[in-house]
Amino acid sequence: MAFDGTWKIDRNENYEKFMEAMGIGMMKRKLGAHDNLKITIQQNGDKFNVKEASNFRNIEIEFTLGVDFEYSLADGTELSGAWTLEGNKLVATFTRKDNGKVLKATREIVGDELVQTYVYEGVESKRFFKR
């Protein structure tokens, strides 16, 4: 699948504002903006294995399209939700466990980049990754 591979963060757009909307403190926002995130994605049918490696943590997530699972952000925020495939785009809706608010995320291949978009409380951010 097009998502398969190892993707390294190249640049962010509005990421600090997004983290601020999420309630992440200033120090963690500054560190998070320079996390050197690397994502490795492997797809097998409806099943995905995603490894995230950054300056702060290394985790492995396995999920099946359309099936809810629990996930914890690097700052400890706990979420539950599911990824689906809409055309060539991975789309997720996650609900925060602490306040019930919704975080939407998408992953899509645009040219030679993986573009990850987040929307929370009306604030949109994009992170751009290269193989």
N, C-alpha and C. Protein backbone atom coordinates (compact mmCIF):
# COMPACT_ATOMS: atom_id res chain seq x y z
N MET A 1 0.84 -1.19 0.00
CA MET A 1 0.00 0.00 0.00
C MET A 1 0.88 1.25 0.00
N ALA A 2 0.34 2.33 -0.43
CA ALA A 2 1.10 3.58 -0.56
C ALA A 2 1.65 4.09 0.77
N PHE A 3 0.99 3.74 1.89
CA PHE A 3 1.44 4.24 3.19
C PHE A 3 2.66 3.50 3.71
N ASP A 4 2.90 2.29 3.20
CA ASP A 4 4.00 1.47 3.69
C ASP A 4 5.34 2.19 3.55
N GLY A 5 6.14 2.06 4.58
CA GLY A 5 7.48 2.63 4.54
C GLY A 5 7.80 3.36 5.83
N THR A 6 8.99 3.94 5.85
CA THR A 6 9.43 4.73 7.00
C THR A 6 9.43 6.19 6.59
N TRP A 7 8.76 6.98 7.40
CA TRP A 7 8.55 8.41 7.12
C TRP A 7 9.17 9.24 8.23
N LYS A 8 9.98 10.22 7.86
CA LYS A 8 10.67 11.09 8.82
C LYS A 8 10.08 12.50 8.71
N ILE A 9 9.81 13.10 9.87
CA ILE A 9 9.23 14.45 9.88
C ILE A 9 10.13 15.41 9.11
N ASP A 10 9.52 16.23 8.28
CA ASP A 10 10.24 17.22 7.50
C ASP A 10 9.92 18.63 7.99
N ARG A 11 8.61 18.90 8.21
CA ARG A 11 8.21 20.22 8.67
C ARG A 11 6.80 20.17 9.25
N ASN A 12 6.47 21.22 10.00
CA ASN A 12 5.16 21.35 10.63
C ASN A 12 4.50 22.64 10.18
N GLU A 13 3.18 22.64 10.22
CA GLU A 13 2.40 23.84 9.94
C GLU A 13 1.39 24.01 11.07
N ASN A 14 1.51 25.08 11.84
CA ASN A 14 0.56 25.41 12.91
C ASN A 14 0.54 24.37 14.04
N TYR A 15 1.63 23.64 14.20
CA TYR A 15 1.65 22.54 15.17
C TYR A 15 1.65 23.05 16.61
N GLU A 16 2.37 24.14 16.88
CA GLU A 16 2.39 24.66 18.26
C GLU A 16 1.01 25.17 18.67
N LYS A 17 0.29 25.82 17.77
CA LYS A 17 -1.08 26.29 18.07
C LYS A 17 -2.00 25.10 18.35
N PHE A 18 -1.84 24.03 17.57
CA PHE A 18 -2.63 22.82 17.79
C PHE A 18 -2.34 22.25 19.19
N MET A 19 -1.06 22.13 19.53
CA MET A 19 -0.70 21.59 20.85
C MET A 19 -1.25 22.48 21.96
N GLU A 20 -1.23 23.80 21.75
CA GLU A 20 -1.78 24.73 22.74
C GLU A 20 -3.29 24.48 22.92
N ALA A 21 -4.00 24.29 21.82
CA ALA A 21 -5.44 24.00 21.89
C ALA A 21 -5.70 22.69 22.64
N MET A 22 -4.77 21.74 22.51
CA MET A 22 -4.89 20.45 23.20
C MET A 22 -4.59 20.58 24.69
N GLY A 23 -4.09 21.73 25.12
CA GLY A 23 -3.81 21.94 26.53
C GLY A 23 -2.40 21.55 26.94
N ILE A 24 -1.51 21.43 25.98
CA ILE A 24 -0.13 21.04 26.26
C ILE A 24 0.65 22.29 26.67
N GLY A 25 1.39 22.20 27.77
CA GLY A 25 2.14 23.34 28.30
C GLY A 25 3.23 23.83 27.36
N MET A 26 3.71 25.06 27.61
CA MET A 26 4.66 25.70 26.70
C MET A 26 5.95 24.89 26.52
N MET A 27 6.52 24.37 27.57
CA MET A 27 7.78 23.63 27.45
C MET A 27 7.59 22.38 26.59
N LYS A 28 6.52 21.65 26.83
CA LYS A 28 6.27 20.44 26.03
C LYS A 28 5.96 20.80 24.59
N ARG A 29 5.31 21.95 24.36
CA ARG A 29 5.04 22.38 22.98
C ARG A 29 6.35 22.67 22.25
N LYS A 30 7.26 23.37 22.93
CA LYS A 30 8.56 23.69 22.31
C LYS A 30 9.33 22.42 21.98
N LEU A 31 9.33 21.48 22.91
CA LEU A 31 10.02 20.20 22.67
C LEU A 31 9.30 19.40 21.58
N GLY A 32 7.98 19.38 21.63
CA GLY A 32 7.20 18.61 20.66
C GLY A 32 7.36 19.09 19.24
N ALA A 33 7.60 20.37 19.06
CA ALA A 33 7.78 20.93 17.72
C ALA A 33 9.09 20.44 17.08
N HIS A 34 9.98 19.87 17.90
CA HIS A 34 11.27 19.38 17.41
C HIS A 34 11.49 17.94 17.87
N ASP A 35 10.48 17.10 17.70
CA ASP A 35 10.52 15.74 18.23
C ASP A 35 11.26 14.75 17.35
N ASN A 36 11.63 15.14 16.12
CA ASN A 36 12.31 14.23 15.17
C ASN A 36 11.53 12.94 14.96
N LEU A 37 10.22 13.04 14.87
CA LEU A 37 9.36 11.87 14.74
C LEU A 37 9.63 11.09 13.46
N LYS A 38 9.70 9.78 13.61
CA LYS A 38 9.83 8.87 12.49
C LYS A 38 8.70 7.85 12.63
N ILE A 39 7.93 7.67 11.57
CA ILE A 39 6.80 6.73 11.58
C ILE A 39 7.08 5.63 10.56
N THR A 40 6.95 4.38 10.99
CA THR A 40 7.07 3.24 10.08
C THR A 40 5.70 2.58 10.00
N ILE A 41 5.17 2.50 8.79
CA ILE A 41 3.82 1.96 8.57
C ILE A 41 3.91 0.70 7.73
N GLN A 42 3.23 -0.34 8.20
CA GLN A 42 3.09 -1.58 7.43
C GLN A 42 1.62 -1.94 7.40
N GLN A 43 1.09 -2.15 6.20
CA GLN A 43 -0.32 -2.51 6.04
C GLN A 43 -0.42 -3.91 5.48
N ASN A 44 -1.35 -4.67 6.06
CA ASN A 44 -1.65 -6.01 5.56
C ASN A 44 -3.18 -6.10 5.52
N GLY A 45 -3.77 -5.81 4.36
CA GLY A 45 -5.22 -5.78 4.25
C GLY A 45 -5.78 -4.65 5.09
N ASP A 46 -6.69 -4.97 6.03
CA ASP A 46 -7.30 -3.97 6.91
C ASP A 46 -6.50 -3.73 8.18
N LYS A 47 -5.39 -4.45 8.34
CA LYS A 47 -4.59 -4.35 9.56
C LYS A 47 -3.36 -3.48 9.32
N PHE A 48 -3.09 -2.62 10.30
CA PHE A 48 -1.93 -1.72 10.22
C PHE A 48 -1.05 -1.92 11.43
N ASN A 49 0.26 -1.84 11.21
CA ASN A 49 1.24 -1.82 12.27
C ASN A 49 2.00 -0.51 12.09
N VAL A 50 1.98 0.34 13.12
CA VAL A 50 2.62 1.65 13.05
C VAL A 50 3.60 1.76 14.21
N LYS A 51 4.86 2.05 13.86
CA LYS A 51 5.88 2.28 14.88
C LYS A 51 6.20 3.77 14.86
N GLU A 52 6.16 4.39 16.02
CA GLU A 52 6.49 5.80 16.15
C GLU A 52 7.74 5.91 17.02
N ALA A 53 8.76 6.56 16.48
CA ALA A 53 10.00 6.77 17.23
C ALA A 53 10.31 8.26 17.22
N SER A 54 10.54 8.81 18.42
CA SER A 54 10.85 10.24 18.53
C SER A 54 11.87 10.43 19.64
N ASN A 55 12.20 11.70 19.89
CA ASN A 55 13.12 12.02 20.99
C ASN A 55 12.53 11.64 22.34
N PHE A 56 11.20 11.45 22.42
CA PHE A 56 10.53 11.27 23.70
C PHE A 56 10.06 9.86 23.98
N ARG A 57 9.74 9.12 22.92
CA ARG A 57 9.25 7.76 23.16
C ARG A 57 9.28 6.95 21.87
N ASN A 58 9.25 5.65 22.06
CA ASN A 58 9.12 4.70 20.96
C ASN A 58 7.94 3.80 21.29
N ILE A 59 6.95 3.77 20.39
CA ILE A 59 5.79 2.92 20.63
C ILE A 59 5.42 2.20 19.35
N GLU A 60 4.68 1.13 19.53
CA GLU A 60 4.16 0.36 18.41
C GLU A 60 2.65 0.23 18.58
N ILE A 61 1.92 0.55 17.52
CA ILE A 61 0.46 0.51 17.55
C ILE A 61 -0.02 -0.44 16.47
N GLU A 62 -0.93 -1.30 16.83
CA GLU A 62 -1.57 -2.16 15.84
C GLU A 62 -3.05 -1.86 15.86
N PHE A 63 -3.63 -1.69 14.68
CA PHE A 63 -5.06 -1.44 14.61
C PHE A 63 -5.63 -2.04 13.34
N THR A 64 -6.94 -2.25 13.38
CA THR A 64 -7.70 -2.73 12.23
C THR A 64 -8.65 -1.63 11.83
N LEU A 65 -8.73 -1.36 10.53
CA LEU A 65 -9.62 -0.31 10.05
C LEU A 65 -11.03 -0.50 10.58
N GLY A 66 -11.63 0.57 11.09
CA GLY A 66 -13.00 0.54 11.57
C GLY A 66 -13.20 -0.03 12.96
N VAL A 67 -12.12 -0.44 13.61
CA VAL A 67 -12.22 -1.04 14.96
C VAL A 67 -11.62 -0.07 15.97
N ASP A 68 -12.42 0.29 16.99
CA ASP A 68 -11.94 1.20 18.03
C ASP A 68 -10.76 0.60 18.79
N PHE A 69 -9.83 1.48 19.15
CA PHE A 69 -8.70 1.08 19.99
C PHE A 69 -8.31 2.27 20.84
N GLU A 70 -7.48 2.02 21.85
CA GLU A 70 -7.05 3.07 22.75
C GLU A 70 -5.63 3.48 22.39
N TYR A 71 -5.36 4.79 22.54
CA TYR A 71 -4.06 5.35 22.15
C TYR A 71 -3.72 6.47 23.12
N SER A 72 -2.46 6.62 23.41
CA SER A 72 -1.99 7.67 24.30
C SER A 72 -1.01 8.55 23.55
N LEU A 73 -1.25 9.87 23.57
CA LEU A 73 -0.34 10.81 22.93
C LEU A 73 0.94 10.92 23.74
N ALA A 74 1.97 11.52 23.16
CA ALA A 74 3.27 11.64 23.83
C ALA A 74 3.17 12.39 25.16
N ASP A 75 2.18 13.30 25.27
CA ASP A 75 2.03 14.06 26.52
C ASP A 75 1.19 13.32 27.56
N GLY A 76 0.73 12.12 27.23
CA GLY A 76 -0.06 11.33 28.16
C GLY A 76 -1.56 11.41 27.95
N THR A 77 -2.03 12.27 27.04
CA THR A 77 -3.46 12.38 26.77
C THR A 77 -3.96 11.05 26.21
N GLU A 78 -5.01 10.51 26.84
CA GLU A 78 -5.57 9.23 26.41
C GLU A 78 -6.77 9.44 25.51
N LEU A 79 -6.79 8.65 24.43
CA LEU A 79 -7.85 8.75 23.42
C LEU A 79 -8.38 7.36 23.11
N SER A 80 -9.58 7.33 22.52
CA SER A 80 -10.07 6.09 21.92
C SER A 80 -10.77 6.47 20.63
N GLY A 81 -10.67 5.58 19.64
CA GLY A 81 -11.29 5.85 18.36
C GLY A 81 -10.81 4.84 17.34
N ALA A 82 -11.04 5.17 16.06
CA ALA A 82 -10.71 4.23 14.99
C ALA A 82 -10.26 4.97 13.75
N TRP A 83 -9.42 4.30 12.97
CA TRP A 83 -9.03 4.77 11.64
C TRP A 83 -9.93 4.08 10.62
N THR A 84 -10.28 4.78 9.56
CA THR A 84 -10.99 4.20 8.41
C THR A 84 -10.25 4.64 7.16
N LEU A 85 -10.56 3.99 6.06
CA LEU A 85 -9.97 4.35 4.78
C LEU A 85 -11.06 4.97 3.93
N GLU A 86 -10.86 6.23 3.54
CA GLU A 86 -11.81 6.93 2.68
C GLU A 86 -11.07 7.28 1.41
N GLY A 87 -11.30 6.51 0.36
CA GLY A 87 -10.53 6.69 -0.87
C GLY A 87 -9.09 6.34 -0.61
N ASN A 88 -8.19 7.27 -0.85
CA ASN A 88 -6.75 7.06 -0.61
C ASN A 88 -6.29 7.71 0.69
N LYS A 89 -7.23 8.03 1.56
CA LYS A 89 -6.91 8.78 2.77
C LYS A 89 -7.30 7.97 4.01
N LEU A 90 -6.38 7.90 4.98
CA LEU A 90 -6.71 7.33 6.28
C LEU A 90 -7.34 8.44 7.11
N VAL A 91 -8.51 8.16 7.69
CA VAL A 91 -9.25 9.15 8.46
C VAL A 91 -9.56 8.58 9.84
N ALA A 92 -9.30 9.37 10.88
CA ALA A 92 -9.55 8.91 12.24
C ALA A 92 -10.36 9.93 13.01
N THR A 93 -11.20 9.40 13.89
CA THR A 93 -11.90 10.23 14.86
C THR A 93 -11.61 9.63 16.23
N PHE A 94 -10.96 10.42 17.07
CA PHE A 94 -10.61 9.99 18.42
C PHE A 94 -11.31 10.87 19.43
N THR A 95 -11.73 10.29 20.54
CA THR A 95 -12.36 11.02 21.62
C THR A 95 -11.42 11.00 22.82
N ARG A 96 -11.16 12.20 23.36
CA ARG A 96 -10.32 12.30 24.56
C ARG A 96 -11.07 11.69 25.74
N LYS A 97 -10.35 10.92 26.54
CA LYS A 97 -10.97 10.30 27.72
C LYS A 97 -11.17 11.30 28.85
N ASP A 98 -10.34 12.36 28.91
CA ASP A 98 -10.43 13.30 30.02
C ASP A 98 -11.55 14.32 29.87
N ASN A 99 -11.90 14.70 28.64
CA ASN A 99 -12.92 15.74 28.50
C ASN A 99 -13.98 15.45 27.43
N GLY A 100 -13.87 14.32 26.74
CA GLY A 100 -14.87 13.93 25.75
C GLY A 100 -14.80 14.70 24.44
N LYS A 101 -13.80 15.57 24.28
CA LYS A 101 -13.68 16.34 23.04
C LYS A 101 -13.06 15.48 21.94
N VAL A 102 -13.35 15.86 20.68
CA VAL A 102 -12.97 15.04 19.53
C VAL A 102 -11.72 15.60 18.85
N LEU A 103 -10.81 14.69 18.53
CA LEU A 103 -9.63 14.97 17.72
C LEU A 103 -9.79 14.22 16.42
N LYS A 104 -9.72 14.95 15.30
CA LYS A 104 -9.79 14.31 13.99
C LYS A 104 -8.39 14.31 13.39
N ALA A 105 -8.06 13.23 12.70
CA ALA A 105 -6.75 13.10 12.07
C ALA A 105 -6.91 12.46 10.70
N THR A 106 -6.05 12.86 9.78
CA THR A 106 -6.00 12.20 8.47
C THR A 106 -4.55 11.97 8.11
N ARG A 107 -4.33 10.95 7.31
CA ARG A 107 -3.02 10.69 6.72
C ARG A 107 -3.26 10.45 5.24
N GLU A 108 -2.50 11.16 4.41
CA GLU A 108 -2.62 10.96 2.97
C GLU A 108 -1.27 11.19 2.31
N ILE A 109 -1.09 10.54 1.18
CA ILE A 109 0.13 10.72 0.40
C ILE A 109 -0.15 11.83 -0.60
N VAL A 110 0.67 12.87 -0.56
CA VAL A 110 0.56 13.99 -1.49
C VAL A 110 1.93 14.14 -2.15
N GLY A 111 2.01 13.81 -3.43
CA GLY A 111 3.30 13.79 -4.10
C GLY A 111 4.18 12.73 -3.46
N ASP A 112 5.35 13.15 -2.97
CA ASP A 112 6.25 12.19 -2.32
C ASP A 112 6.24 12.34 -0.81
N GLU A 113 5.19 12.96 -0.26
CA GLU A 113 5.11 13.20 1.18
C GLU A 113 3.90 12.51 1.80
N LEU A 114 4.05 12.15 3.07
CA LEU A 114 2.94 11.73 3.90
C LEU A 114 2.51 12.98 4.67
N VAL A 115 1.26 13.40 4.47
CA VAL A 115 0.74 14.58 5.15
C VAL A 115 -0.23 14.12 6.22
N GLN A 116 0.08 14.48 7.45
CA GLN A 116 -0.77 14.13 8.59
C GLN A 116 -1.43 15.41 9.08
N THR A 117 -2.76 15.43 9.07
CA THR A 117 -3.51 16.63 9.46
C THR A 117 -4.28 16.32 10.74
N TYR A 118 -4.25 17.26 11.68
CA TYR A 118 -5.00 17.16 12.92
C TYR A 118 -5.96 18.33 13.02
N VAL A 119 -7.15 18.09 13.54
CA VAL A 119 -8.09 19.18 13.83
C VAL A 119 -8.64 18.94 15.23
N TYR A 120 -8.49 19.97 16.09
CA TYR A 120 -9.00 19.89 17.46
C TYR A 120 -9.51 21.26 17.85
N GLU A 121 -10.77 21.33 18.26
CA GLU A 121 -11.39 22.57 18.70
C GLU A 121 -11.21 23.69 17.66
N GLY A 122 -11.35 23.33 16.39
CA GLY A 122 -11.27 24.31 15.32
C GLY A 122 -9.86 24.70 14.89
N VAL A 123 -8.83 24.14 15.54
CA VAL A 123 -7.45 24.44 15.18
C VAL A 123 -6.90 23.30 14.32
N GLU A 124 -6.42 23.65 13.12
CA GLU A 124 -5.88 22.65 12.21
C GLU A 124 -4.36 22.76 12.14
N SER A 125 -3.71 21.61 12.12
CA SER A 125 -2.27 21.54 12.00
C SER A 125 -1.91 20.46 10.99
N LYS A 126 -0.78 20.64 10.32
CA LYS A 126 -0.29 19.62 9.39
C LYS A 126 1.15 19.32 9.73
N ARG A 127 1.48 18.04 9.58
CA ARG A 127 2.87 17.59 9.71
C ARG A 127 3.22 16.87 8.41
N PHE A 128 4.37 17.21 7.86
CA PHE A 128 4.79 16.67 6.57
C PHE A 128 5.99 15.75 6.77
N PHE A 129 5.88 14.54 6.21
CA PHE A 129 6.92 13.52 6.36
C PHE A 129 7.44 13.12 4.98
N LYS A 130 8.73 12.77 4.94
CA LYS A 130 9.36 12.26 3.72
C LYS A 130 9.93 10.87 4.01
N ARG A 131 9.96 10.04 2.96
CA ARG A 131 10.53 8.69 3.12
C ARG A 131 12.02 8.77 3.33
